[in-house]
Amino acid sequence: MALFIALLLNALALIITSKIVPGIFIESFGKAILAAIVMGIINTLIKPILSILTAPINILTLGLFTFVINAVLFYFAALIVPGFGIDSAWSAILGAIVLSVTATILSTLVKEVRKIKK
C-alpha cells in the first residue's frame, strides 16, 4: 500500500511540476503515473551507476553535479514516456529540482496526516 501511495504522490508531484516549470508538459494523470513508474525504475537502476561514474566530478563541484545527473535522468524518462516532454536542458534541471521538492513536501504531508490519524 505504501508503494502505491508513493507512486500516486510522485505522479501528483510531476503534474504540479509541469504546472510550475515552463517547458515541461504531461498529457494526463495516467501519463504521470507511467512517468513516475519509469522514473522510479531509472532512479533505482541507472542513477547509482551514474553517481559512481561521476563521483570525481561530483566531488570537484561539491555535489552540485548531482543536479545535472537528476536532470539527465528526468529528461531520459521524458524521452521514454509518450505524452511527457521537456523542452530544454534548463527546464530539465529546474524541473528535477521542483519535482524533488514537491515530492518531499507531499510525502511529508501524507506522513503527518497518517501520524495524526493514529
C-alpha atoms as a PDB file:
ATOM      1  CA  MET A   1       0.000   0.000   0.000  1.00  0.00           C
ATOM      2  CA  ALA A   2       2.858   2.382   0.820  1.00  0.00           C
ATOM      3  CA  LEU A   3       4.359   1.825  -2.642  1.00  0.00           C
ATOM      4  CA  PHE A   4       1.033   2.670  -4.287  1.00  0.00           C
ATOM      5  CA  ILE A   5       0.706   5.869  -2.251  1.00  0.00           C
ATOM      6  CA  ALA A   6       4.289   6.837  -3.115  1.00  0.00           C
ATOM      7  CA  LEU A   7       3.521   6.252  -6.793  1.00  0.00           C
ATOM      8  CA  LEU A   8       0.418   8.457  -6.641  1.00  0.00           C
ATOM      9  CA  LEU A   9       2.319  11.177  -4.772  1.00  0.00           C
ATOM     10  CA  ASN A  10       5.128  11.151  -7.330  1.00  0.00           C
ATOM     11  CA  ALA A  11       2.606  11.366 -10.180  1.00  0.00           C
ATOM     12  CA  LEU A  12       0.897  14.298  -8.450  1.00  0.00           C
ATOM     13  CA  ALA A  13       4.285  15.952  -7.876  1.00  0.00           C
ATOM     14  CA  LEU A  14       5.034  15.539 -11.586  1.00  0.00           C
ATOM     15  CA  ILE A  15       1.766  17.211 -12.552  1.00  0.00           C
ATOM     16  CA  ILE A  16       2.427  20.074 -10.121  1.00  0.00           C
ATOM     17  CA  THR A  17       5.936  20.417 -11.560  1.00  0.00           C
ATOM     18  CA  SER A  18       4.551  20.615 -15.092  1.00  0.00           C
ATOM     19  CA  LYS A  19       2.261  23.460 -13.985  1.00  0.00           C
ATOM     20  CA  ILE A  20       5.093  25.382 -12.293  1.00  0.00           C
ATOM     21  CA  VAL A  21       8.028  24.914 -14.675  1.00  0.00           C
ATOM     22  CA  PRO A  22       7.685  26.229 -18.224  1.00  0.00           C
ATOM     23  CA  GLY A  23       8.875  23.749 -20.819  1.00  0.00           C
ATOM     24  CA  ILE A  24       7.581  20.625 -19.062  1.00  0.00           C
ATOM     25  CA  PHE A  25       4.301  19.091 -20.123  1.00  0.00           C
ATOM     26  CA  ILE A  26       2.333  15.982 -19.234  1.00  0.00           C
ATOM     27  CA  GLU A  27      -0.842  14.966 -21.049  1.00  0.00           C
ATOM     28  CA  SER A  28      -2.816  13.281 -18.276  1.00  0.00           C
ATOM     29  CA  PHE A  29      -2.696  11.763 -14.820  1.00  0.00           C
ATOM     30  CA  GLY A  30      -2.307   8.326 -16.413  1.00  0.00           C
ATOM     31  CA  LYS A  31       0.796   9.512 -18.253  1.00  0.00           C
ATOM     32  CA  ALA A  32       2.047  10.988 -14.972  1.00  0.00           C
ATOM     33  CA  ILE A  33       1.666   7.603 -13.269  1.00  0.00           C
ATOM     34  CA  LEU A  34       3.538   5.917 -16.121  1.00  0.00           C
ATOM     35  CA  ALA A  35       6.254   8.577 -15.926  1.00  0.00           C
ATOM     36  CA  ALA A  36       6.513   8.090 -12.146  1.00  0.00           C
ATOM     37  CA  ILE A  37       6.982   4.346 -12.667  1.00  0.00           C
ATOM     38  CA  VAL A  38       9.650   4.916 -15.327  1.00  0.00           C
ATOM     39  CA  MET A  39      11.453   7.495 -13.172  1.00  0.00           C
ATOM     40  CA  GLY A  40      11.389   5.100 -10.232  1.00  0.00           C
ATOM     41  CA  ILE A  41      12.955   2.348 -12.327  1.00  0.00           C
ATOM     42  CA  ILE A  42      15.552   4.714 -13.787  1.00  0.00           C
ATOM     43  CA  ASN A  43      16.455   6.098 -10.360  1.00  0.00           C
ATOM     44  CA  THR A  44      16.772   2.584  -8.965  1.00  0.00           C
ATOM     45  CA  LEU A  45      18.829   1.063 -11.782  1.00  0.00           C
ATOM     46  CA  ILE A  46      20.730   3.817 -13.582  1.00  0.00           C
ATOM     47  CA  LYS A  47      21.268   6.592 -11.028  1.00  0.00           C
ATOM     48  CA  PRO A  48      23.608   4.591  -8.739  1.00  0.00           C
ATOM     49  CA  ILE A  49      25.816   3.683 -11.708  1.00  0.00           C
ATOM     50  CA  LEU A  50      25.952   7.289 -12.940  1.00  0.00           C
ATOM     51  CA  SER A  51      26.656   8.532  -9.423  1.00  0.00           C
ATOM     52  CA  ILE A  52      29.646   6.211  -9.089  1.00  0.00           C
ATOM     53  CA  LEU A  53      30.987   7.046 -12.556  1.00  0.00           C
ATOM     54  CA  THR A  54      30.699  10.797 -11.968  1.00  0.00           C
ATOM     55  CA  ALA A  55      31.927  10.783  -8.362  1.00  0.00           C
ATOM     56  CA  PRO A  56      35.158  12.685  -9.145  1.00  0.00           C
ATOM     57  CA  ILE A  57      33.229  15.466 -10.914  1.00  0.00           C
ATOM     58  CA  ASN A  58      30.689  15.494  -8.111  1.00  0.00           C
ATOM     59  CA  ILE A  59      33.455  15.888  -5.535  1.00  0.00           C
ATOM     60  CA  LEU A  60      35.051  18.729  -7.501  1.00  0.00           C
ATOM     61  CA  THR A  61      31.729  20.556  -7.767  1.00  0.00           C
ATOM     62  CA  LEU A  62      30.905  19.920  -4.103  1.00  0.00           C
ATOM     63  CA  GLY A  63      27.865  17.836  -5.030  1.00  0.00           C
ATOM     64  CA  LEU A  64      26.335  20.286  -7.490  1.00  0.00           C
ATOM     65  CA  PHE A  65      26.825  17.855 -10.380  1.00  0.00           C
ATOM     66  CA  THR A  66      24.043  15.793  -8.797  1.00  0.00           C
ATOM     67  CA  PHE A  67      21.604  18.346 -10.222  1.00  0.00           C
ATOM     68  CA  VAL A  68      22.911  17.562 -13.704  1.00  0.00           C
ATOM     69  CA  ILE A  69      22.565  13.815 -13.130  1.00  0.00           C
ATOM     70  CA  ASN A  70      18.987  14.270 -11.901  1.00  0.00           C
ATOM     71  CA  ALA A  71      18.157  16.475 -14.889  1.00  0.00           C
ATOM     72  CA  VAL A  72      19.595  13.943 -17.350  1.00  0.00           C
ATOM     73  CA  LEU A  73      17.593  11.107 -15.794  1.00  0.00           C
ATOM     74  CA  PHE A  74      14.464  13.292 -15.739  1.00  0.00           C
ATOM     75  CA  TYR A  75      14.971  14.099 -19.425  1.00  0.00           C
ATOM     76  CA  PHE A  76      15.624  10.416 -20.184  1.00  0.00           C
ATOM     77  CA  ALA A  77      12.285   9.495 -18.598  1.00  0.00           C
ATOM     78  CA  ALA A  78      10.598  12.119 -20.782  1.00  0.00           C
ATOM     79  CA  LEU A  79      12.124  10.502 -23.867  1.00  0.00           C
ATOM     80  CA  ILE A  80      10.736   7.101 -22.891  1.00  0.00           C
ATOM     81  CA  VAL A  81       7.201   8.065 -21.851  1.00  0.00           C
ATOM     82  CA  PRO A  82       4.888   9.269 -24.629  1.00  0.00           C
ATOM     83  CA  GLY A  83       2.828  12.267 -23.560  1.00  0.00           C
ATOM     84  CA  PHE A  84       5.541  13.568 -21.226  1.00  0.00           C
ATOM     85  CA  GLY A  85       8.034  16.071 -22.573  1.00  0.00           C
ATOM     86  CA  ILE A  86      10.755  18.511 -21.633  1.00  0.00           C
ATOM     87  CA  ASP A  87      11.726  21.341 -23.976  1.00  0.00           C
ATOM     88  CA  SER A  88      15.222  22.285 -22.809  1.00  0.00           C
ATOM     89  CA  ALA A  89      18.095  21.408 -20.507  1.00  0.00           C
ATOM     90  CA  TRP A  90      17.230  24.304 -18.200  1.00  0.00           C
ATOM     91  CA  SER A  91      13.657  23.066 -17.961  1.00  0.00           C
ATOM     92  CA  ALA A  92      15.004  19.633 -17.060  1.00  0.00           C
ATOM     93  CA  ILE A  93      17.298  20.996 -14.332  1.00  0.00           C
ATOM     94  CA  LEU A  94      14.647  23.269 -12.840  1.00  0.00           C
ATOM     95  CA  GLY A  95      12.001  20.553 -13.241  1.00  0.00           C
ATOM     96  CA  ALA A  96      14.134  17.965 -11.432  1.00  0.00           C
ATOM     97  CA  ILE A  97      14.639  20.381  -8.538  1.00  0.00           C
ATOM     98  CA  VAL A  98      10.962  21.371  -8.337  1.00  0.00           C
ATOM     99  CA  LEU A  99       9.881  17.722  -8.631  1.00  0.00           C
ATOM    100  CA  SER A 100      12.176  16.695  -5.796  1.00  0.00           C
ATOM    101  CA  VAL A 101      10.972  19.495  -3.510  1.00  0.00           C
ATOM    102  CA  THR A 102       7.304  18.924  -4.388  1.00  0.00           C
ATOM    103  CA  ALA A 103       7.521  15.161  -3.864  1.00  0.00           C
ATOM    104  CA  THR A 104       9.235  15.700  -0.496  1.00  0.00           C
ATOM    105  CA  ILE A 105       6.567  18.166   0.644  1.00  0.00           C
ATOM    106  CA  LEU A 106       3.720  15.865  -0.425  1.00  0.00           C
ATOM    107  CA  SER A 107       5.336  12.864   1.224  1.00  0.00           C
ATOM    108  CA  THR A 108       5.839  14.801   4.463  1.00  0.00           C
ATOM    109  CA  LEU A 109       2.222  15.972   4.448  1.00  0.00           C
ATOM    110  CA  VAL A 110       0.936  12.423   3.992  1.00  0.00           C
ATOM    111  CA  LYS A 111       3.162  11.166   6.824  1.00  0.00           C
ATOM    112  CA  GLU A 112       1.875  13.922   9.116  1.00  0.00           C
ATOM    113  CA  VAL A 113      -1.747  13.105   8.287  1.00  0.00           C
ATOM    114  CA  ARG A 114      -1.112   9.410   8.998  1.00  0.00           C
ATOM    115  CA  LYS A 115       0.543  10.315  12.302  1.00  0.00           C
ATOM    116  CA  ILE A 116      -2.443  12.472  13.317  1.00  0.00           C
ATOM    117  CA  LYS A 117      -4.931   9.702  12.488  1.00  0.00           C
ATOM    118  CA  LYS A 118      -3.132   7.207  14.727  1.00  0.00           C
END
